[in-house]
């Protein structure tokens, strides 16, 4: 199977994951594996709610329950999806990680599953390549300033983010 090639594939796969789980009256390989997935990605839907998808599912183009259940024939490999998803992965802050673990735990609990102790949750970056380059340029400039100015600018950015 082909790996995802853009952020839109990943977002669609996270959305589709919510639907695919409920097929076959929730008696399927995806539901059975929920407590075994190690790398999860979180994305906010249109209503602002966190939705989740495991790397091994969301990293493939056109993935479905049927294709997942044929994982040996389709040669699905979480290491490949982890590598391709790296470019859109943001490690959450401690506070955000706590919130995401709670939300993922509730989500998994609705299927009678628990989050794997070694599971990691990442926030899906919504930035396009141009925005990432702009951010890198701003950070490079910021690093040339003294620490007090850096702290002031970072504080101002955080205040701005809170006002959005």
C-alpha atoms as a PDB file:
ATOM      1  CA  UNK A   1       0.000   0.000   0.000  1.00  0.00           C
ATOM      2  CA  UNK A   2       1.075   3.546  -0.669  1.00  0.00           C
ATOM      3  CA  UNK A   3       2.050   5.771   2.224  1.00  0.00           C
ATOM      4  CA  UNK A   4       0.334   9.132   2.680  1.00  0.00           C
ATOM      5  CA  UNK A   5       1.926  11.988   0.789  1.00  0.00           C
ATOM      6  CA  UNK A   6       0.271  15.039   2.321  1.00  0.00           C
ATOM      7  CA  UNK A   7      -1.393  16.290   5.466  1.00  0.00           C
ATOM      8  CA  UNK A   8      -4.863  16.112   3.890  1.00  0.00           C
ATOM      9  CA  UNK A   9      -4.533  12.315   3.497  1.00  0.00           C
ATOM     10  CA  UNK A  10      -3.636  12.060   7.179  1.00  0.00           C
ATOM     11  CA  UNK A  11      -6.561  14.209   8.343  1.00  0.00           C
ATOM     12  CA  UNK A  12      -8.988  12.210   6.194  1.00  0.00           C
ATOM     13  CA  UNK A  13      -7.589   8.956   7.587  1.00  0.00           C
ATOM     14  CA  UNK A  14      -8.037  10.139  11.186  1.00  0.00           C
ATOM     15  CA  UNK A  15     -11.637  11.075  10.377  1.00  0.00           C
ATOM     16  CA  UNK A  16     -12.213   7.759   8.561  1.00  0.00           C
ATOM     17  CA  UNK A  17     -10.722   5.825  11.489  1.00  0.00           C
ATOM     18  CA  UNK A  18     -13.649   6.975  13.656  1.00  0.00           C
ATOM     19  CA  UNK A  19     -16.062   5.448  11.101  1.00  0.00           C
ATOM     20  CA  UNK A  20     -14.105   2.267  10.338  1.00  0.00           C
ATOM     21  CA  UNK A  21     -13.994   1.310  14.034  1.00  0.00           C
ATOM     22  CA  UNK A  22     -17.764   0.969  14.126  1.00  0.00           C
ATOM     23  CA  UNK A  23     -18.078  -1.417  11.190  1.00  0.00           C
ATOM     24  CA  UNK A  24     -19.103  -5.036  11.831  1.00  0.00           C
ATOM     25  CA  UNK A  25     -20.863  -3.959  15.047  1.00  0.00           C
ATOM     26  CA  UNK A  26     -17.491  -2.982  16.559  1.00  0.00           C
ATOM     27  CA  UNK A  27     -16.300  -6.595  16.315  1.00  0.00           C
ATOM     28  CA  UNK A  28     -13.295  -6.137  14.070  1.00  0.00           C
ATOM     29  CA  UNK A  29      -9.495  -6.174  14.042  1.00  0.00           C
ATOM     30  CA  UNK A  30      -9.234  -2.406  14.541  1.00  0.00           C
ATOM     31  CA  UNK A  31     -11.255  -2.502  17.749  1.00  0.00           C
ATOM     32  CA  UNK A  32      -9.320  -5.564  18.913  1.00  0.00           C
ATOM     33  CA  UNK A  33      -6.011  -3.714  18.388  1.00  0.00           C
ATOM     34  CA  UNK A  34      -6.994  -0.414  20.046  1.00  0.00           C
ATOM     35  CA  UNK A  35      -5.107  -1.133  23.263  1.00  0.00           C
ATOM     36  CA  UNK A  36      -2.016  -2.273  21.360  1.00  0.00           C
ATOM     37  CA  UNK A  37      -1.255   0.784  19.232  1.00  0.00           C
ATOM     38  CA  UNK A  38       1.868   2.634  20.356  1.00  0.00           C
ATOM     39  CA  UNK A  39       1.853   5.857  18.313  1.00  0.00           C
ATOM     40  CA  UNK A  40      -1.301   7.942  18.186  1.00  0.00           C
ATOM     41  CA  UNK A  41      -1.996  11.217  16.413  1.00  0.00           C
ATOM     42  CA  UNK A  42      -4.527  13.761  17.663  1.00  0.00           C
ATOM     43  CA  UNK A  43      -6.401  16.214  15.456  1.00  0.00           C
ATOM     44  CA  UNK A  44      -9.194  18.656  16.264  1.00  0.00           C
ATOM     45  CA  UNK A  45     -12.327  18.132  14.185  1.00  0.00           C
ATOM     46  CA  UNK A  46     -14.547  20.947  12.879  1.00  0.00           C
ATOM     47  CA  UNK A  47     -16.268  21.185  16.264  1.00  0.00           C
ATOM     48  CA  UNK A  48     -12.962  21.559  18.099  1.00  0.00           C
ATOM     49  CA  UNK A  49     -13.053  18.057  19.599  1.00  0.00           C
ATOM     50  CA  UNK A  50      -9.937  15.899  19.676  1.00  0.00           C
ATOM     51  CA  UNK A  51     -10.118  12.828  17.462  1.00  0.00           C
ATOM     52  CA  UNK A  52      -7.424  10.176  17.306  1.00  0.00           C
ATOM     53  CA  UNK A  53      -5.866   7.743  14.896  1.00  0.00           C
ATOM     54  CA  UNK A  54      -3.009   5.272  15.247  1.00  0.00           C
ATOM     55  CA  UNK A  55       0.035   5.701  13.052  1.00  0.00           C
ATOM     56  CA  UNK A  56      -0.281   2.197  11.609  1.00  0.00           C
ATOM     57  CA  UNK A  57      -3.711   3.066  10.200  1.00  0.00           C
ATOM     58  CA  UNK A  58      -3.483   6.739   9.275  1.00  0.00           C
ATOM     59  CA  UNK A  59      -0.152   6.488   7.454  1.00  0.00           C
ATOM     60  CA  UNK A  60      -1.543   4.684   4.394  1.00  0.00           C
ATOM     61  CA  UNK A  61      -3.432   6.159   1.453  1.00  0.00           C
ATOM     62  CA  UNK A  62      -6.943   4.806   1.015  1.00  0.00           C
ATOM     63  CA  UNK A  63      -6.816   2.648   4.142  1.00  0.00           C
ATOM     64  CA  UNK A  64     -10.024   0.947   5.272  1.00  0.00           C
ATOM     65  CA  UNK A  65     -11.072  -1.677   7.779  1.00  0.00           C
ATOM     66  CA  UNK A  66     -10.975  -4.310   5.055  1.00  0.00           C
ATOM     67  CA  UNK A  67      -7.433  -3.382   4.025  1.00  0.00           C
ATOM     68  CA  UNK A  68      -6.330  -3.273   7.657  1.00  0.00           C
ATOM     69  CA  UNK A  69      -7.779  -6.718   8.303  1.00  0.00           C
ATOM     70  CA  UNK A  70      -5.675  -7.962   5.363  1.00  0.00           C
ATOM     71  CA  UNK A  71      -2.572  -6.377   6.899  1.00  0.00           C
ATOM     72  CA  UNK A  72      -0.266  -9.308   6.148  1.00  0.00           C
ATOM     73  CA  UNK A  73      -1.311  -9.363   2.487  1.00  0.00           C
ATOM     74  CA  UNK A  74      -1.089  -5.568   2.273  1.00  0.00           C
ATOM     75  CA  UNK A  75       2.238  -5.607   4.167  1.00  0.00           C
ATOM     76  CA  UNK A  76       1.221  -2.933   6.655  1.00  0.00           C
ATOM     77  CA  UNK A  77       4.158  -1.868   8.808  1.00  0.00           C
ATOM     78  CA  UNK A  78       3.909   0.704  11.585  1.00  0.00           C
ATOM     79  CA  UNK A  79       7.618   1.538  11.268  1.00  0.00           C
ATOM     80  CA  UNK A  80       7.011   2.800   7.735  1.00  0.00           C
ATOM     81  CA  UNK A  81       4.043   4.909   8.771  1.00  0.00           C
ATOM     82  CA  UNK A  82       5.926   6.289  11.789  1.00  0.00           C
ATOM     83  CA  UNK A  83       8.695   7.432   9.449  1.00  0.00           C
ATOM     84  CA  UNK A  84       6.385   9.154   6.945  1.00  0.00           C
ATOM     85  CA  UNK A  85       4.252  10.793   9.662  1.00  0.00           C
ATOM     86  CA  UNK A  86       7.348  12.238  11.360  1.00  0.00           C
ATOM     87  CA  UNK A  87       7.073  15.372   9.195  1.00  0.00           C
ATOM     88  CA  UNK A  88       3.658  16.287  10.639  1.00  0.00           C
ATOM     89  CA  UNK A  89       4.315  15.272  14.240  1.00  0.00           C
ATOM     90  CA  UNK A  90       4.369  17.738  17.132  1.00  0.00           C
ATOM     91  CA  UNK A  91       5.195  16.568  20.640  1.00  0.00           C
ATOM     92  CA  UNK A  92       2.602  18.061  22.998  1.00  0.00           C
ATOM     93  CA  UNK A  93       3.464  20.030  26.120  1.00  0.00           C
ATOM     94  CA  UNK A  94       3.105  18.214  29.462  1.00  0.00           C
ATOM     95  CA  UNK A  95      -0.272  19.859  30.066  1.00  0.00           C
ATOM     96  CA  UNK A  96      -1.492  19.066  26.565  1.00  0.00           C
ATOM     97  CA  UNK A  97      -0.205  15.478  26.841  1.00  0.00           C
ATOM     98  CA  UNK A  98      -2.184  15.028  30.059  1.00  0.00           C
ATOM     99  CA  UNK A  99      -5.346  16.313  28.352  1.00  0.00           C
ATOM    100  CA  UNK A 100      -4.764  14.149  25.269  1.00  0.00           C
ATOM    101  CA  UNK A 101      -4.159  11.026  27.373  1.00  0.00           C
ATOM    102  CA  UNK A 102      -7.392  11.677  29.228  1.00  0.00           C
ATOM    103  CA  UNK A 103      -9.351  12.187  25.978  1.00  0.00           C
ATOM    104  CA  UNK A 104      -7.759   9.159  24.281  1.00  0.00           C
ATOM    105  CA  UNK A 105      -8.452   7.093  27.405  1.00  0.00           C
ATOM    106  CA  UNK A 106     -12.147   8.040  27.292  1.00  0.00           C
ATOM    107  CA  UNK A 107     -12.270   7.282  23.565  1.00  0.00           C
ATOM    108  CA  UNK A 108     -10.683   3.842  24.023  1.00  0.00           C
ATOM    109  CA  UNK A 109     -12.852   3.132  27.068  1.00  0.00           C
ATOM    110  CA  UNK A 110     -15.952   3.543  24.883  1.00  0.00           C
ATOM    111  CA  UNK A 111     -14.683   0.439  23.033  1.00  0.00           C
ATOM    112  CA  UNK A 112     -13.784  -1.420  26.223  1.00  0.00           C
ATOM    113  CA  UNK A 113     -10.040  -0.801  25.734  1.00  0.00           C
ATOM    114  CA  UNK A 114      -7.279   0.985  27.628  1.00  0.00           C
ATOM    115  CA  UNK A 115      -4.412   3.089  26.425  1.00  0.00           C
ATOM    116  CA  UNK A 116      -1.147   1.168  26.193  1.00  0.00           C
ATOM    117  CA  UNK A 117       1.263   2.261  28.964  1.00  0.00           C
ATOM    118  CA  UNK A 118       4.043   2.944  26.449  1.00  0.00           C
ATOM    119  CA  UNK A 119       1.738   4.773  24.018  1.00  0.00           C
ATOM    120  CA  UNK A 120       2.807   8.157  22.718  1.00  0.00           C
ATOM    121  CA  UNK A 121       0.380  10.797  21.507  1.00  0.00           C
ATOM    122  CA  UNK A 122       1.395  13.451  19.016  1.00  0.00           C
ATOM    123  CA  UNK A 123      -0.503  16.453  17.763  1.00  0.00           C
ATOM    124  CA  UNK A 124      -0.910  16.557  14.023  1.00  0.00           C
ATOM    125  CA  UNK A 125       0.729  19.679  12.644  1.00  0.00           C
ATOM    126  CA  UNK A 126      -1.648  21.643  10.454  1.00  0.00           C
ATOM    127  CA  UNK A 127       1.116  23.756   8.983  1.00  0.00           C
ATOM    128  CA  UNK A 128       1.849  23.583   5.296  1.00  0.00           C
ATOM    129  CA  UNK A 129       5.464  23.481   4.102  1.00  0.00           C
ATOM    130  CA  UNK A 130       5.665  27.245   3.467  1.00  0.00           C
ATOM    131  CA  UNK A 131       4.446  28.030   6.955  1.00  0.00           C
ATOM    132  CA  UNK A 132       7.030  25.688   8.451  1.00  0.00           C
ATOM    133  CA  UNK A 133       9.805  27.438   6.518  1.00  0.00           C
ATOM    134  CA  UNK A 134       8.562  30.820   7.752  1.00  0.00           C
ATOM    135  CA  UNK A 135       8.529  29.528  11.325  1.00  0.00           C
ATOM    136  CA  UNK A 136      12.078  28.219  10.972  1.00  0.00           C
ATOM    137  CA  UNK A 137      13.203  31.612   9.641  1.00  0.00           C
ATOM    138  CA  UNK A 138      11.575  33.439  12.557  1.00  0.00           C
ATOM    139  CA  UNK A 139      13.199  31.043  15.044  1.00  0.00           C
ATOM    140  CA  UNK A 140      16.600  31.557  13.394  1.00  0.00           C
ATOM    141  CA  UNK A 141      16.206  35.328  13.805  1.00  0.00           C
ATOM    142  CA  UNK A 142      14.981  34.924  17.395  1.00  0.00           C
ATOM    143  CA  UNK A 143      18.108  32.932  18.275  1.00  0.00           C
ATOM    144  CA  UNK A 144      20.288  35.909  17.317  1.00  0.00           C
ATOM    145  CA  UNK A 145      18.661  38.130  19.972  1.00  0.00           C
ATOM    146  CA  UNK A 146      19.610  38.246  23.651  1.00  0.00           C
ATOM    147  CA  UNK A 147      17.751  35.992  26.090  1.00  0.00           C
ATOM    148  CA  UNK A 148      15.613  38.740  27.644  1.00  0.00           C
ATOM    149  CA  UNK A 149      14.255  39.826  24.266  1.00  0.00           C
ATOM    150  CA  UNK A 150      13.691  36.174  23.302  1.00  0.00           C
ATOM    151  CA  UNK A 151      11.637  35.626  26.461  1.00  0.00           C
ATOM    152  CA  UNK A 152       9.607  38.793  25.816  1.00  0.00           C
ATOM    153  CA  UNK A 153       8.839  37.800  22.214  1.00  0.00           C
ATOM    154  CA  UNK A 154       7.912  34.243  23.218  1.00  0.00           C
ATOM    155  CA  UNK A 155       5.654  35.603  25.971  1.00  0.00           C
ATOM    156  CA  UNK A 156       3.982  37.944  23.450  1.00  0.00           C
ATOM    157  CA  UNK A 157       3.456  35.037  21.039  1.00  0.00           C
ATOM    158  CA  UNK A 158       1.875  32.948  23.799  1.00  0.00           C
ATOM    159  CA  UNK A 159      -0.445  35.817  24.756  1.00  0.00           C
ATOM    160  CA  UNK A 160      -1.424  36.184  21.116  1.00  0.00           C
ATOM    161  CA  UNK A 161      -2.145  32.434  20.825  1.00  0.00           C
ATOM    162  CA  UNK A 162      -4.398  32.605  23.892  1.00  0.00           C
ATOM    163  CA  UNK A 163      -6.387  35.434  22.322  1.00  0.00           C
ATOM    164  CA  UNK A 164      -7.230  33.375  19.215  1.00  0.00           C
END
